[in-house]
Amino acid sequence: MCAVWAVAWSCAPAQAQQARYAEGGGYGGGLIEYLVTGSAAGGGRGWPQRSAAPQRVAAYSGDLLPADPEPATAVMPRQAYGVPQADPTRIARAVDPEYLRQEVAFPGPQRPGTIVIDTSGKHLYLVQPGHRALRYGIGVGRPGFAWSGLKTVSRKAEWPDWTPPAEMLARRPDLPRHMAGGPANPLGARALYLGSSLYRIHGTNEPTTIGQSVSSGCIRMMNEDVMDLYERVPVGTRVEVL
């Protein structure tokens, strides 16, 4: 039987024999051949290769964003279970520890439950009992768009839609007239609307802007932080912007 097989093989067309030898390195293809040779054969069944990192695409924000510095180590923001995951191309550099959420002493006279926004320090405080506060890092209005005053949380929304106001469209006619809520939306995961004004406390899909003055007056927070704040404050909460 072996002799018959050998004769049959030797009589096979040369092209077929060459194709047989070209199928791989003799390790069976797949994972084993990948580990031994660094490549996998098998007519398209090769071991998946790492693709080139996608280029970062800026979101529609209506705001001027600072030029990006040299790329640094990327970090994945924590995501609550069951909510849409952020676009991997928007995973940003680590945020300065100063702007990470933490509990701090708060000597101010405001009552517990009040939101106090320090625009110069780029911090939002949720006042707690015992002269304490939860402090969050924020992004604020760029020069010419800063403001201060007293507001009230008039409405809350999860993954809010975004409709740029006429004033913003006049400055940026290239912006969409409406954008559905989701990870690509510049309002981020949550929004707290301030009275009847156009201002909001909202999330952002550009977390590198936290700690900077880049918005058109709205208060930006990292998505995980605005989700935390959203659960802690009800409609009617007093907001003091300093």
Protein backbone atom coordinates (compact mmCIF):
# COMPACT_ATOMS: atom_id res chain seq x y z
CA MET A 1 0.00 0.00 0.00
CA CYS A 2 2.83 2.36 0.86
CA ALA A 3 4.47 1.64 -2.47
CA VAL A 4 1.26 2.48 -4.33
CA TRP A 5 0.93 5.77 -2.45
CA ALA A 6 4.53 6.72 -3.20
CA VAL A 7 4.05 6.05 -6.92
CA ALA A 8 0.83 8.07 -6.97
CA TRP A 9 2.52 10.98 -5.24
CA SER A 10 5.50 10.98 -7.56
CA CYS A 11 3.15 11.03 -10.55
CA ALA A 12 1.10 13.99 -9.28
CA PRO A 13 1.44 17.24 -11.25
CA ALA A 14 4.40 19.38 -10.16
CA GLN A 15 2.16 22.37 -9.53
CA ALA A 16 0.06 20.36 -7.05
CA GLN A 17 3.17 19.29 -5.18
CA GLN A 18 4.44 22.86 -5.05
CA ALA A 19 1.05 24.00 -3.70
CA ARG A 20 1.25 21.32 -1.00
CA TYR A 21 4.66 22.54 0.16
CA ALA A 22 3.51 26.17 0.01
CA GLU A 23 0.67 25.62 2.47
CA GLY A 24 2.77 26.26 5.52
CA GLY A 25 5.93 25.66 7.45
CA GLY A 26 5.08 22.10 8.43
CA TYR A 27 3.67 23.03 11.84
CA GLY A 28 0.02 22.69 11.00
CA GLY A 29 -0.82 26.39 10.76
CA GLY A 30 -2.82 28.32 13.38
CA LEU A 31 -1.47 29.11 16.83
CA ILE A 32 1.34 26.51 16.86
CA GLU A 33 2.85 27.73 13.58
CA TYR A 34 2.42 31.36 14.70
CA LEU A 35 4.38 30.67 17.90
CA VAL A 36 7.19 28.86 16.06
CA THR A 37 7.53 30.95 12.89
CA GLY A 38 5.86 34.25 13.69
CA SER A 39 3.25 33.74 10.96
CA ALA A 40 0.32 31.43 10.35
CA ALA A 41 -0.58 29.75 7.08
CA GLY A 42 -3.83 28.27 5.94
CA GLY A 43 -5.53 30.28 3.23
CA GLY A 44 -6.78 33.25 5.26
CA ARG A 45 -7.06 31.37 8.56
CA GLY A 46 -3.90 32.97 9.95
CA TRP A 47 -3.47 34.25 13.49
CA PRO A 48 -4.97 37.74 13.84
CA GLN A 49 -2.36 40.48 13.53
CA ARG A 50 -2.38 43.77 15.43
CA SER A 51 -3.67 46.52 13.19
CA ALA A 52 -2.33 50.06 13.14
CA ALA A 53 -3.79 52.34 15.80
CA PRO A 54 -6.62 54.46 14.39
CA GLN A 55 -6.12 58.16 14.16
CA ARG A 56 -7.94 60.28 16.72
CA VAL A 57 -10.97 62.04 15.32
CA ALA A 58 -12.14 65.11 17.18
CA ALA A 59 -15.81 65.26 18.12
CA TYR A 60 -18.25 67.94 17.11
CA SER A 61 -18.06 70.19 20.12
CA GLY A 62 -18.51 73.70 18.82
CA ASP A 63 -15.53 74.70 20.94
CA LEU A 64 -11.90 75.47 20.27
CA LEU A 65 -9.71 72.62 21.49
CA PRO A 66 -6.03 73.00 22.42
CA ALA A 67 -3.44 71.42 20.15
CA ASP A 68 -2.62 67.89 21.24
CA PRO A 69 0.85 67.38 22.77
CA GLU A 70 2.96 64.36 21.96
CA PRO A 71 1.00 61.10 22.54
CA ALA A 72 1.28 59.66 26.02
CA THR A 73 0.10 56.54 27.78
CA ALA A 74 -3.60 55.96 27.22
CA VAL A 75 -5.98 55.01 30.00
CA MET A 76 -9.50 53.59 29.84
CA PRO A 77 -12.02 55.54 31.93
CA ARG A 78 -14.14 53.34 34.19
CA GLN A 79 -17.54 52.58 32.67
CA ALA A 80 -20.68 51.70 34.59
CA TYR A 81 -22.15 48.31 33.70
CA GLY A 82 -24.85 48.48 31.07
CA VAL A 83 -23.99 51.88 29.54
CA PRO A 84 -22.55 52.37 26.04
CA GLN A 85 -18.79 52.07 25.85
CA ALA A 86 -16.77 55.01 24.58
CA ASP A 87 -15.19 54.95 21.15
CA PRO A 88 -11.66 53.50 21.64
CA THR A 89 -10.23 56.29 19.48
CA ARG A 90 -11.28 58.74 22.20
CA ILE A 91 -9.42 57.05 25.06
CA ALA A 92 -7.36 59.87 26.42
CA ARG A 93 -4.18 60.49 28.33
CA ALA A 94 -4.22 60.21 32.10
CA VAL A 95 -5.87 63.18 33.80
CA ASP A 96 -3.82 65.23 36.27
CA PRO A 97 -4.43 63.76 39.77
CA GLU A 98 -5.56 67.21 40.92
CA TYR A 99 -8.71 66.76 38.85
CA LEU A 100 -9.62 63.28 40.03
CA ARG A 101 -12.71 62.94 42.22
CA GLN A 102 -11.91 63.09 45.94
CA GLU A 103 -13.34 64.19 49.28
CA VAL A 104 -11.78 67.36 50.70
CA ALA A 105 -12.27 69.89 53.49
CA PHE A 106 -14.69 72.67 52.56
CA PRO A 107 -14.74 75.82 54.71
CA GLY A 108 -17.41 77.66 52.71
CA PRO A 109 -20.80 78.72 54.15
CA GLN A 110 -22.92 76.81 51.61
CA ARG A 111 -25.35 74.20 52.84
CA PRO A 112 -24.83 70.47 52.23
CA GLY A 113 -26.22 69.46 48.85
CA THR A 114 -25.18 72.72 47.15
CA ILE A 115 -23.03 72.60 44.04
CA VAL A 116 -20.24 75.19 44.10
CA ILE A 117 -18.23 75.73 40.90
CA ASP A 118 -14.79 77.35 41.20
CA THR A 119 -14.12 78.36 37.60
CA SER A 120 -10.63 79.72 38.31
CA GLY A 121 -9.52 76.55 40.10
CA LYS A 122 -11.34 74.25 37.61
CA HIS A 123 -13.14 72.39 40.40
CA LEU A 124 -16.76 71.56 41.16
CA TYR A 125 -17.68 70.94 44.81
CA LEU A 126 -20.72 69.04 46.07
CA VAL A 127 -20.98 70.23 49.65
CA GLN A 128 -21.28 67.50 52.31
CA PRO A 129 -22.09 67.69 56.03
CA GLY A 130 -19.29 68.48 58.48
CA HIS A 131 -17.50 71.07 56.33
CA ARG A 132 -16.56 68.46 53.74
CA ALA A 133 -17.17 68.27 49.99
CA LEU A 134 -16.76 65.95 47.05
CA ARG A 135 -14.45 67.69 44.59
CA TYR A 136 -14.46 66.99 40.86
CA GLY A 137 -12.21 68.30 38.10
CA ILE A 138 -13.97 70.32 35.40
CA GLY A 139 -13.44 72.20 32.15
CA VAL A 140 -14.86 75.73 31.96
CA GLY A 141 -15.59 78.54 29.51
CA ARG A 142 -12.70 79.91 27.50
CA PRO A 143 -11.89 83.65 27.63
CA GLY A 144 -14.95 85.63 26.62
CA PHE A 145 -17.31 82.82 27.65
CA ALA A 146 -16.72 82.71 31.40
CA TRP A 147 -19.63 83.59 33.69
CA SER A 148 -20.73 83.49 37.31
CA GLY A 149 -23.97 83.56 39.24
CA LEU A 150 -26.67 81.48 40.89
CA LYS A 151 -28.56 78.76 39.04
CA THR A 152 -30.78 75.78 39.81
CA VAL A 153 -30.71 72.32 38.27
CA SER A 154 -33.90 72.48 36.23
CA ARG A 155 -33.64 69.18 34.35
CA LYS A 156 -31.49 66.06 34.14
CA ALA A 157 -30.89 63.80 31.14
CA GLU A 158 -29.03 60.56 30.47
CA TRP A 159 -27.04 60.38 27.22
CA PRO A 160 -28.66 63.64 26.09
CA ASP A 161 -29.19 64.74 22.51
CA TRP A 162 -27.38 67.87 21.41
CA THR A 163 -28.87 70.73 19.40
CA PRO A 164 -26.32 73.53 18.98
CA PRO A 165 -27.87 76.94 19.76
CA ALA A 166 -28.13 79.59 17.06
CA GLU A 167 -25.25 81.57 18.57
CA MET A 168 -22.93 78.57 18.25
CA LEU A 169 -24.08 77.78 14.72
CA ALA A 170 -23.33 81.38 13.74
CA ARG A 171 -19.72 80.84 14.88
CA ARG A 172 -19.50 77.28 13.54
CA PRO A 173 -21.84 76.78 10.56
CA ASP A 174 -20.17 73.42 9.89
CA LEU A 175 -21.72 71.88 13.02
CA PRO A 176 -24.65 69.46 12.75
CA ARG A 177 -28.07 70.88 13.54
CA HIS A 178 -28.81 67.94 15.81
CA MET A 179 -26.93 64.95 17.20
CA ALA A 180 -28.44 61.98 18.99
CA GLY A 181 -27.13 61.06 22.41
CA GLY A 182 -24.34 58.51 22.73
CA PRO A 183 -20.59 58.13 23.30
CA ALA A 184 -19.79 60.35 20.30
CA ASN A 185 -22.05 63.17 21.51
CA PRO A 186 -20.13 66.15 23.00
CA LEU A 187 -22.55 66.30 25.96
CA GLY A 188 -21.31 62.92 27.12
CA ALA A 189 -23.09 60.51 29.44
CA ARG A 190 -25.22 62.91 31.50
CA ALA A 191 -26.37 66.53 31.53
CA LEU A 192 -27.71 68.76 34.31
CA TYR A 193 -29.45 71.79 32.80
CA LEU A 194 -29.08 75.09 34.66
CA GLY A 195 -32.32 77.03 34.85
CA SER A 196 -33.58 78.43 31.55
CA SER A 197 -30.05 79.28 30.38
CA LEU A 198 -28.10 77.56 27.61
CA TYR A 199 -25.56 76.38 30.19
CA ARG A 200 -25.25 72.81 31.43
CA ILE A 201 -23.06 70.67 33.61
CA HIS A 202 -22.35 67.74 31.32
CA GLY A 203 -19.95 64.97 30.43
CA THR A 204 -17.45 65.06 27.63
CA ASN A 205 -15.92 62.74 25.07
CA GLU A 206 -12.77 64.89 25.22
CA PRO A 207 -11.52 64.23 28.79
CA THR A 208 -8.18 65.91 28.03
CA THR A 209 -10.02 69.24 28.27
CA ILE A 210 -10.65 68.75 32.00
CA GLY A 211 -8.70 71.40 33.89
CA GLN A 212 -8.78 73.80 30.93
CA SER A 213 -10.78 76.79 29.72
CA VAL A 214 -12.10 75.62 26.36
CA SER A 215 -15.92 75.49 26.37
CA SER A 216 -18.56 77.99 25.31
CA GLY A 217 -19.63 78.41 28.92
CA CYS A 218 -20.83 74.95 29.88
CA ILE A 219 -19.17 73.03 32.72
CA ARG A 220 -17.53 69.83 31.51
CA MET A 221 -16.85 66.77 33.62
CA MET A 222 -15.39 63.36 32.87
CA ASN A 223 -18.20 60.96 32.02
CA GLU A 224 -17.64 58.81 35.10
CA ASP A 225 -17.75 61.92 37.31
CA VAL A 226 -20.90 63.44 35.82
CA MET A 227 -22.59 60.05 36.21
CA ASP A 228 -21.63 60.05 39.88
CA LEU A 229 -22.87 63.63 40.39
CA TYR A 230 -26.08 62.87 38.48
CA GLU A 231 -27.01 60.18 40.99
CA ARG A 232 -26.28 62.41 43.99
CA VAL A 233 -28.22 65.59 43.17
CA PRO A 234 -31.93 66.06 42.44
CA VAL A 235 -33.68 68.58 40.24
CA GLY A 236 -33.87 71.83 42.21
CA THR A 237 -30.30 71.67 43.50
CA ARG A 238 -28.73 75.11 44.03
CA VAL A 239 -25.66 75.83 41.88
CA GLU A 240 -23.26 78.66 42.71
CA VAL A 241 -20.79 79.56 39.97
CA LEU A 242 -17.91 81.66 41.30
